[in-house]
Amino acid sequence: MTINLRRLFAGLVAGTAIAGGVAVAQHQLGSYAAPNLGKVSQPAARELTDDSRYGAASYPTFEVGLADGAGKSETQIYCGVCHTTRYITMQPPLPAATWDAEVQKMVKTFGATIPEADAQKIAQYLHEHYTPETRKQ
């Protein structure tokens, strides 16, 4: 027990010494000198000139290659509202029942406004292209 208390005390002494040294060094550098208190040490922004040209590049996008088939457009439209369709392609091949549960979770839990007919098309599309039996990769 005394060893731990000695280490704790030694750590506190060392920490206090370091903090004191840092404060003295900053004071000597002028950071805490009375004339500098309340002043902003950052340089002023450069003036913009009338002949300056500024622009922005287009935002880079990555087009995910979903498998072609019936239900692809519904999947892109409804799933792409909340997240990228990359979430579909980066999943391991899931059983059909799991895809059904995922589609229902998006509708019932997360509030996706997918009409029931389109939800069935999406689930069928996922069954046909992204299950262990049908995934091509």
C-alpha atoms as a PDB file:
ATOM      1  CA  MET A   1       0.000   0.000   0.000  1.00  0.00           C
ATOM      2  CA  THR A   2       2.838   2.401   0.817  1.00  0.00           C
ATOM      3  CA  ILE A   3       4.418   1.785  -2.575  1.00  0.00           C
ATOM      4  CA  ASN A   4       1.279   2.965  -4.358  1.00  0.00           C
ATOM      5  CA  LEU A   5       1.033   6.069  -2.170  1.00  0.00           C
ATOM      6  CA  ARG A   6       4.691   6.865  -2.825  1.00  0.00           C
ATOM      7  CA  ARG A   7       4.171   6.540  -6.566  1.00  0.00           C
ATOM      8  CA  LEU A   8       1.072   8.705  -6.403  1.00  0.00           C
ATOM      9  CA  PHE A   9       2.890  11.376  -4.411  1.00  0.00           C
ATOM     10  CA  ALA A  10       5.888  11.274  -6.769  1.00  0.00           C
ATOM     11  CA  GLY A  11       3.564  11.606  -9.763  1.00  0.00           C
ATOM     12  CA  LEU A  12       1.808  14.602  -8.233  1.00  0.00           C
ATOM     13  CA  VAL A  13       5.107  16.303  -7.443  1.00  0.00           C
ATOM     14  CA  ALA A  14       6.435  15.674 -10.965  1.00  0.00           C
ATOM     15  CA  GLY A  15       3.196  16.874 -12.574  1.00  0.00           C
ATOM     16  CA  THR A  16       3.186  20.040 -10.507  1.00  0.00           C
ATOM     17  CA  ALA A  17       6.827  20.730 -11.392  1.00  0.00           C
ATOM     18  CA  ILE A  18       6.150  20.276 -15.106  1.00  0.00           C
ATOM     19  CA  ALA A  19       3.052  22.474 -15.053  1.00  0.00           C
ATOM     20  CA  GLY A  20       4.950  25.167 -13.139  1.00  0.00           C
ATOM     21  CA  GLY A  21       7.808  25.029 -15.632  1.00  0.00           C
ATOM     22  CA  VAL A  22       5.431  25.408 -18.556  1.00  0.00           C
ATOM     23  CA  ALA A  23       3.725  28.406 -16.951  1.00  0.00           C
ATOM     24  CA  VAL A  24       7.076  30.090 -16.256  1.00  0.00           C
ATOM     25  CA  ALA A  25       8.238  29.436 -19.839  1.00  0.00           C
ATOM     26  CA  GLN A  26       5.047  30.899 -21.300  1.00  0.00           C
ATOM     27  CA  HIS A  27       5.326  33.915 -19.035  1.00  0.00           C
ATOM     28  CA  GLN A  28       8.910  34.483 -20.146  1.00  0.00           C
ATOM     29  CA  LEU A  29       7.882  34.189 -23.799  1.00  0.00           C
ATOM     30  CA  GLY A  30       5.370  36.937 -23.252  1.00  0.00           C
ATOM     31  CA  SER A  31       2.199  34.875 -23.617  1.00  0.00           C
ATOM     32  CA  TYR A  32       0.968  35.952 -20.219  1.00  0.00           C
ATOM     33  CA  ALA A  33       2.537  39.418 -20.117  1.00  0.00           C
ATOM     34  CA  ALA A  34       0.143  42.184 -19.099  1.00  0.00           C
ATOM     35  CA  PRO A  35       0.226  43.973 -22.497  1.00  0.00           C
ATOM     36  CA  ASN A  36      -0.875  40.760 -24.285  1.00  0.00           C
ATOM     37  CA  LEU A  37      -3.887  39.931 -22.130  1.00  0.00           C
ATOM     38  CA  GLY A  38      -7.132  40.111 -24.083  1.00  0.00           C
ATOM     39  CA  LYS A  39      -5.431  40.494 -27.456  1.00  0.00           C
ATOM     40  CA  VAL A  40      -5.970  38.197 -30.396  1.00  0.00           C
ATOM     41  CA  SER A  41      -2.653  36.790 -31.554  1.00  0.00           C
ATOM     42  CA  GLN A  42      -3.858  35.730 -34.995  1.00  0.00           C
ATOM     43  CA  PRO A  43      -3.038  37.803 -38.056  1.00  0.00           C
ATOM     44  CA  ALA A  44      -5.866  39.589 -39.822  1.00  0.00           C
ATOM     45  CA  ALA A  45      -7.395  37.889 -42.831  1.00  0.00           C
ATOM     46  CA  ARG A  46      -5.978  38.826 -46.209  1.00  0.00           C
ATOM     47  CA  GLU A  47      -8.028  41.230 -48.225  1.00  0.00           C
ATOM     48  CA  LEU A  48      -9.842  39.776 -51.206  1.00  0.00           C
ATOM     49  CA  THR A  49      -9.260  41.517 -54.489  1.00  0.00           C
ATOM     50  CA  ASP A  50     -11.827  42.167 -57.200  1.00  0.00           C
ATOM     51  CA  ASP A  51      -9.923  40.085 -59.733  1.00  0.00           C
ATOM     52  CA  SER A  52      -9.752  37.000 -57.524  1.00  0.00           C
ATOM     53  CA  ARG A  53     -11.355  33.836 -58.871  1.00  0.00           C
ATOM     54  CA  TYR A  54     -12.820  31.207 -56.608  1.00  0.00           C
ATOM     55  CA  GLY A  55     -14.539  27.974 -57.459  1.00  0.00           C
ATOM     56  CA  ALA A  56     -15.478  24.611 -56.143  1.00  0.00           C
ATOM     57  CA  ALA A  57     -15.118  21.233 -57.767  1.00  0.00           C
ATOM     58  CA  SER A  58     -18.044  18.899 -58.078  1.00  0.00           C
ATOM     59  CA  TYR A  59     -18.581  16.537 -55.177  1.00  0.00           C
ATOM     60  CA  PRO A  60     -17.103  13.123 -55.978  1.00  0.00           C
ATOM     61  CA  THR A  61     -19.662  10.361 -56.135  1.00  0.00           C
ATOM     62  CA  PHE A  62     -19.295   6.642 -56.436  1.00  0.00           C
ATOM     63  CA  GLU A  63     -21.904   4.864 -58.494  1.00  0.00           C
ATOM     64  CA  VAL A  64     -22.676   1.482 -57.004  1.00  0.00           C
ATOM     65  CA  GLY A  65     -23.281  -1.187 -59.566  1.00  0.00           C
ATOM     66  CA  LEU A  66     -26.421  -2.963 -58.457  1.00  0.00           C
ATOM     67  CA  ALA A  67     -27.278  -6.114 -60.353  1.00  0.00           C
ATOM     68  CA  ASP A  68     -29.664  -5.624 -63.269  1.00  0.00           C
ATOM     69  CA  GLY A  69     -33.148  -6.984 -62.842  1.00  0.00           C
ATOM     70  CA  ALA A  70     -36.741  -6.292 -61.935  1.00  0.00           C
ATOM     71  CA  GLY A  71     -36.909  -4.121 -58.829  1.00  0.00           C
ATOM     72  CA  LYS A  72     -33.538  -2.425 -59.330  1.00  0.00           C
ATOM     73  CA  SER A  73     -35.062   1.004 -59.937  1.00  0.00           C
ATOM     74  CA  GLU A  74     -37.337   0.732 -56.870  1.00  0.00           C
ATOM     75  CA  THR A  75     -34.343  -0.333 -54.789  1.00  0.00           C
ATOM     76  CA  GLN A  76     -32.279   2.620 -56.007  1.00  0.00           C
ATOM     77  CA  ILE A  77     -35.121   5.089 -55.509  1.00  0.00           C
ATOM     78  CA  TYR A  78     -36.442   4.057 -52.095  1.00  0.00           C
ATOM     79  CA  CYS A  79     -33.248   2.772 -50.463  1.00  0.00           C
ATOM     80  CA  GLY A  80     -31.180   5.664 -51.810  1.00  0.00           C
ATOM     81  CA  VAL A  81     -33.367   8.215 -50.023  1.00  0.00           C
ATOM     82  CA  CYS A  82     -31.823   7.382 -46.637  1.00  0.00           C
ATOM     83  CA  HIS A  83     -28.522   5.727 -47.487  1.00  0.00           C
ATOM     84  CA  THR A  84     -26.332   4.794 -50.386  1.00  0.00           C
ATOM     85  CA  THR A  85     -27.101   1.542 -52.165  1.00  0.00           C
ATOM     86  CA  ARG A  86     -23.514   0.591 -51.348  1.00  0.00           C
ATOM     87  CA  TYR A  87     -24.959  -0.713 -48.074  1.00  0.00           C
ATOM     88  CA  ILE A  88     -26.628  -3.458 -50.084  1.00  0.00           C
ATOM     89  CA  THR A  89     -23.555  -4.517 -52.019  1.00  0.00           C
ATOM     90  CA  MET A  90     -21.219  -4.431 -49.011  1.00  0.00           C
ATOM     91  CA  GLN A  91     -23.379  -6.856 -47.025  1.00  0.00           C
ATOM     92  CA  PRO A  92     -22.418 -10.498 -46.986  1.00  0.00           C
ATOM     93  CA  PRO A  93     -24.900 -12.651 -48.892  1.00  0.00           C
ATOM     94  CA  LEU A  94     -27.936 -12.753 -46.610  1.00  0.00           C
ATOM     95  CA  PRO A  95     -30.717 -15.358 -46.594  1.00  0.00           C
ATOM     96  CA  ALA A  96     -34.027 -14.296 -48.139  1.00  0.00           C
ATOM     97  CA  ALA A  97     -35.735 -14.146 -44.738  1.00  0.00           C
ATOM     98  CA  THR A  98     -33.076 -11.730 -43.503  1.00  0.00           C
ATOM     99  CA  TRP A  99     -33.599  -9.453 -46.504  1.00  0.00           C
ATOM    100  CA  ASP A 100     -37.356  -9.529 -45.807  1.00  0.00           C
ATOM    101  CA  ALA A 101     -36.662  -8.522 -42.211  1.00  0.00           C
ATOM    102  CA  GLU A 102     -34.314  -5.728 -43.345  1.00  0.00           C
ATOM    103  CA  VAL A 103     -36.911  -4.246 -45.690  1.00  0.00           C
ATOM    104  CA  GLN A 104     -39.583  -4.418 -42.980  1.00  0.00           C
ATOM    105  CA  LYS A 105     -37.186  -2.855 -40.461  1.00  0.00           C
ATOM    106  CA  MET A 106     -36.601   0.078 -42.806  1.00  0.00           C
ATOM    107  CA  VAL A 107     -40.358   0.608 -43.140  1.00  0.00           C
ATOM    108  CA  LYS A 108     -41.588  -0.105 -39.618  1.00  0.00           C
ATOM    109  CA  THR A 109     -38.639   0.907 -37.433  1.00  0.00           C
ATOM    110  CA  PHE A 110     -36.940   3.638 -39.439  1.00  0.00           C
ATOM    111  CA  GLY A 111     -40.092   5.025 -41.078  1.00  0.00           C
ATOM    112  CA  ALA A 112     -39.173   4.597 -44.741  1.00  0.00           C
ATOM    113  CA  THR A 113     -42.201   5.574 -46.819  1.00  0.00           C
ATOM    114  CA  ILE A 114     -42.168   2.625 -49.193  1.00  0.00           C
ATOM    115  CA  PRO A 115     -45.521   1.448 -50.540  1.00  0.00           C
ATOM    116  CA  GLU A 116     -46.176  -2.213 -49.752  1.00  0.00           C
ATOM    117  CA  ALA A 117     -46.087  -3.251 -53.427  1.00  0.00           C
ATOM    118  CA  ASP A 118     -42.691  -1.597 -53.899  1.00  0.00           C
ATOM    119  CA  ALA A 119     -41.386  -3.079 -50.647  1.00  0.00           C
ATOM    120  CA  GLN A 120     -42.260  -6.519 -52.008  1.00  0.00           C
ATOM    121  CA  LYS A 121     -40.479  -5.714 -55.291  1.00  0.00           C
ATOM    122  CA  ILE A 122     -37.392  -4.621 -53.366  1.00  0.00           C
ATOM    123  CA  ALA A 123     -37.406  -7.757 -51.232  1.00  0.00           C
ATOM    124  CA  GLN A 124     -37.839  -9.928 -54.325  1.00  0.00           C
ATOM    125  CA  TYR A 125     -34.988  -8.097 -56.066  1.00  0.00           C
ATOM    126  CA  LEU A 126     -32.739  -8.691 -53.050  1.00  0.00           C
ATOM    127  CA  HIS A 127     -33.740 -12.381 -53.001  1.00  0.00           C
ATOM    128  CA  GLU A 128     -32.868 -12.775 -56.671  1.00  0.00           C
ATOM    129  CA  HIS A 129     -29.467 -11.081 -56.506  1.00  0.00           C
ATOM    130  CA  TYR A 130     -28.042 -10.903 -52.979  1.00  0.00           C
ATOM    131  CA  THR A 131     -28.647 -14.227 -51.181  1.00  0.00           C
ATOM    132  CA  PRO A 132     -25.962 -16.912 -50.735  1.00  0.00           C
ATOM    133  CA  GLU A 133     -27.521 -18.920 -53.576  1.00  0.00           C
ATOM    134  CA  THR A 134     -27.860 -16.019 -56.046  1.00  0.00           C
ATOM    135  CA  ARG A 135     -24.979 -13.631 -55.300  1.00  0.00           C
ATOM    136  CA  LYS A 136     -22.565 -13.373 -58.201  1.00  0.00           C
ATOM    137  CA  GLN A 137     -19.070 -12.459 -56.990  1.00  0.00           C
END
